[in-house]
Amino acid sequence: MSSRGTNASSGMGVAEHSKTTYMELQRKKVYRYLIFKIDEKKNEVVVEKTGGPAESYEDFTASLPENDCRYAVYDFDFVTSENCQKSKIFFIAWCVHFSVGLILYLQ
């Protein structure tokens, strides 16, 4: 039995490690960002790189490939106008073939 979930329409799965790593970013703040790639042999999404909590947005963007597509999650910390510390998680589809980046807010 496979340890990955498969999307019925695409046949693309998500590796169990990808799911648990995302949960560690979301719940435990273990990572600042995650970069995912598609493993074409396994037909699933796998974690390619993780960034520690002290890493910056510049570290994140420097980790994205210049000539390939990736998916990523970035945990953005900020302070509101009421001086409250907040965090928002963004999903990013990085595809340089089209010179387009797509950012979606996850929380």
C-alpha atoms as a PDB file:
ATOM      1  CA  MET A   1       0.000   0.000   0.000  1.00  0.00           C
ATOM      2  CA  SER A   2       1.326   3.445  -0.922  1.00  0.00           C
ATOM      3  CA  SER A   3       2.163   5.995   1.795  1.00  0.00           C
ATOM      4  CA  ARG A   4       1.166   8.920  -0.406  1.00  0.00           C
ATOM      5  CA  GLY A   5      -2.152  10.450  -1.283  1.00  0.00           C
ATOM      6  CA  THR A   6      -3.028  10.537  -4.959  1.00  0.00           C
ATOM      7  CA  ASN A   7      -5.132  13.175  -6.658  1.00  0.00           C
ATOM      8  CA  ALA A   8      -7.724  11.268  -8.668  1.00  0.00           C
ATOM      9  CA  SER A   9      -7.728  13.736 -11.557  1.00  0.00           C
ATOM     10  CA  SER A  10      -3.978  14.116 -12.024  1.00  0.00           C
ATOM     11  CA  GLY A  11      -2.576  10.897 -10.590  1.00  0.00           C
ATOM     12  CA  MET A  12       0.029  13.030  -8.799  1.00  0.00           C
ATOM     13  CA  GLY A  13       0.614  12.129  -5.173  1.00  0.00           C
ATOM     14  CA  VAL A  14       2.155  13.897  -2.212  1.00  0.00           C
ATOM     15  CA  ALA A  15       4.904  12.098  -0.309  1.00  0.00           C
ATOM     16  CA  GLU A  16       4.106  11.478   3.358  1.00  0.00           C
ATOM     17  CA  HIS A  17       7.335  13.289   4.305  1.00  0.00           C
ATOM     18  CA  SER A  18       6.058  16.371   2.453  1.00  0.00           C
ATOM     19  CA  LYS A  19       2.883  16.358   4.524  1.00  0.00           C
ATOM     20  CA  THR A  20       4.641  15.917   7.872  1.00  0.00           C
ATOM     21  CA  THR A  21       7.239  18.560   7.026  1.00  0.00           C
ATOM     22  CA  TYR A  22       4.481  21.042   6.177  1.00  0.00           C
ATOM     23  CA  MET A  23       2.733  20.271   9.480  1.00  0.00           C
ATOM     24  CA  GLU A  24       6.009  20.963  11.324  1.00  0.00           C
ATOM     25  CA  LEU A  25       6.230  24.363   9.603  1.00  0.00           C
ATOM     26  CA  GLN A  26       2.590  25.168  10.350  1.00  0.00           C
ATOM     27  CA  ARG A  27       2.266  23.923  13.928  1.00  0.00           C
ATOM     28  CA  LYS A  28       5.768  23.905  15.397  1.00  0.00           C
ATOM     29  CA  LYS A  29       7.425  26.731  13.419  1.00  0.00           C
ATOM     30  CA  VAL A  30      10.400  24.427  12.753  1.00  0.00           C
ATOM     31  CA  TYR A  31      10.951  25.930   9.283  1.00  0.00           C
ATOM     32  CA  ARG A  32      10.685  29.377   7.657  1.00  0.00           C
ATOM     33  CA  TYR A  33      10.059  27.874   4.223  1.00  0.00           C
ATOM     34  CA  LEU A  34       9.726  24.636   2.263  1.00  0.00           C
ATOM     35  CA  ILE A  35      10.521  24.119  -1.399  1.00  0.00           C
ATOM     36  CA  PHE A  36       8.839  21.207  -3.172  1.00  0.00           C
ATOM     37  CA  LYS A  37       9.528  19.579  -6.506  1.00  0.00           C
ATOM     38  CA  ILE A  38       7.821  16.886  -8.524  1.00  0.00           C
ATOM     39  CA  ASP A  39       9.642  13.567  -8.514  1.00  0.00           C
ATOM     40  CA  GLU A  40       8.689  12.318 -11.960  1.00  0.00           C
ATOM     41  CA  LYS A  41       9.871   8.751 -11.293  1.00  0.00           C
ATOM     42  CA  LYS A  42       7.648   8.414  -8.227  1.00  0.00           C
ATOM     43  CA  ASN A  43       4.949  10.711  -9.628  1.00  0.00           C
ATOM     44  CA  GLU A  44       4.721  12.617  -6.359  1.00  0.00           C
ATOM     45  CA  VAL A  45       5.539  15.935  -4.714  1.00  0.00           C
ATOM     46  CA  VAL A  46       8.623  15.759  -2.470  1.00  0.00           C
ATOM     47  CA  VAL A  47      10.491  18.208  -0.238  1.00  0.00           C
ATOM     48  CA  GLU A  48      13.583  19.528  -2.004  1.00  0.00           C
ATOM     49  CA  LYS A  49      14.779  22.065   0.580  1.00  0.00           C
ATOM     50  CA  THR A  50      13.851  23.422   3.984  1.00  0.00           C
ATOM     51  CA  GLY A  51      14.846  26.762   5.462  1.00  0.00           C
ATOM     52  CA  GLY A  52      15.393  27.173   9.197  1.00  0.00           C
ATOM     53  CA  PRO A  53      13.378  29.650  11.287  1.00  0.00           C
ATOM     54  CA  ALA A  54      16.184  32.254  11.218  1.00  0.00           C
ATOM     55  CA  GLU A  55      16.389  32.317   7.419  1.00  0.00           C
ATOM     56  CA  SER A  56      15.138  35.377   5.547  1.00  0.00           C
ATOM     57  CA  TYR A  57      12.949  35.931   2.512  1.00  0.00           C
ATOM     58  CA  GLU A  58      16.150  36.672   0.587  1.00  0.00           C
ATOM     59  CA  ASP A  59      17.510  33.238   1.597  1.00  0.00           C
ATOM     60  CA  PHE A  60      14.272  31.725   0.370  1.00  0.00           C
ATOM     61  CA  THR A  61      14.302  33.451  -3.028  1.00  0.00           C
ATOM     62  CA  ALA A  62      17.984  32.589  -3.489  1.00  0.00           C
ATOM     63  CA  SER A  63      17.046  28.916  -3.012  1.00  0.00           C
ATOM     64  CA  LEU A  64      14.579  28.904  -5.902  1.00  0.00           C
ATOM     65  CA  PRO A  65      15.973  27.566  -9.194  1.00  0.00           C
ATOM     66  CA  GLU A  66      16.655  29.968 -12.037  1.00  0.00           C
ATOM     67  CA  ASN A  67      15.527  27.620 -14.805  1.00  0.00           C
ATOM     68  CA  ASP A  68      12.872  25.345 -13.378  1.00  0.00           C
ATOM     69  CA  CYS A  69       9.482  25.315 -11.654  1.00  0.00           C
ATOM     70  CA  ARG A  70       8.851  24.639  -7.986  1.00  0.00           C
ATOM     71  CA  TYR A  71       6.145  24.869  -5.350  1.00  0.00           C
ATOM     72  CA  ALA A  72       6.946  26.483  -2.042  1.00  0.00           C
ATOM     73  CA  VAL A  73       5.468  27.460   1.292  1.00  0.00           C
ATOM     74  CA  TYR A  74       6.723  30.537   3.153  1.00  0.00           C
ATOM     75  CA  ASP A  75       5.840  31.443   6.760  1.00  0.00           C
ATOM     76  CA  PHE A  76       5.789  35.251   6.888  1.00  0.00           C
ATOM     77  CA  ASP A  77       6.075  36.977  10.281  1.00  0.00           C
ATOM     78  CA  PHE A  78       4.877  40.550  10.726  1.00  0.00           C
ATOM     79  CA  VAL A  79       3.681  43.038  13.325  1.00  0.00           C
ATOM     80  CA  THR A  80       0.217  44.576  12.979  1.00  0.00           C
ATOM     81  CA  SER A  81      -0.586  48.260  13.445  1.00  0.00           C
ATOM     82  CA  GLU A  82      -1.823  47.258  16.934  1.00  0.00           C
ATOM     83  CA  ASN A  83       1.719  45.940  17.658  1.00  0.00           C
ATOM     84  CA  CYS A  84       0.647  42.260  17.614  1.00  0.00           C
ATOM     85  CA  GLN A  85       3.060  39.627  16.311  1.00  0.00           C
ATOM     86  CA  LYS A  86       1.361  37.617  13.522  1.00  0.00           C
ATOM     87  CA  SER A  87       2.302  34.933  11.033  1.00  0.00           C
ATOM     88  CA  LYS A  88       0.762  34.047   7.670  1.00  0.00           C
ATOM     89  CA  ILE A  89       1.607  31.066   5.485  1.00  0.00           C
ATOM     90  CA  PHE A  90       1.766  31.571   1.731  1.00  0.00           C
ATOM     91  CA  PHE A  91       1.775  28.962  -1.034  1.00  0.00           C
ATOM     92  CA  ILE A  92       3.948  29.942  -3.981  1.00  0.00           C
ATOM     93  CA  ALA A  93       3.975  28.425  -7.471  1.00  0.00           C
ATOM     94  CA  TRP A  94       7.348  29.352  -8.995  1.00  0.00           C
ATOM     95  CA  CYS A  95       7.668  28.911 -12.737  1.00  0.00           C
ATOM     96  CA  VAL A  96      10.378  30.807 -14.580  1.00  0.00           C
ATOM     97  CA  HIS A  97       9.354  29.402 -17.952  1.00  0.00           C
ATOM     98  CA  PHE A  98       6.538  31.927 -18.002  1.00  0.00           C
ATOM     99  CA  SER A  99       8.211  34.611 -15.855  1.00  0.00           C
ATOM    100  CA  VAL A 100       5.317  34.246 -13.426  1.00  0.00           C
ATOM    101  CA  GLY A 101       5.107  33.650  -9.696  1.00  0.00           C
ATOM    102  CA  LEU A 102       1.763  32.894  -8.078  1.00  0.00           C
ATOM    103  CA  ILE A 103       1.288  33.477  -4.369  1.00  0.00           C
ATOM    104  CA  LEU A 104      -1.729  32.183  -2.466  1.00  0.00           C
ATOM    105  CA  TYR A 105      -2.520  32.865   1.161  1.00  0.00           C
ATOM    106  CA  LEU A 106      -3.107  29.572   3.029  1.00  0.00           C
ATOM    107  CA  GLN A 107      -4.388  30.508   6.490  1.00  0.00           C
END
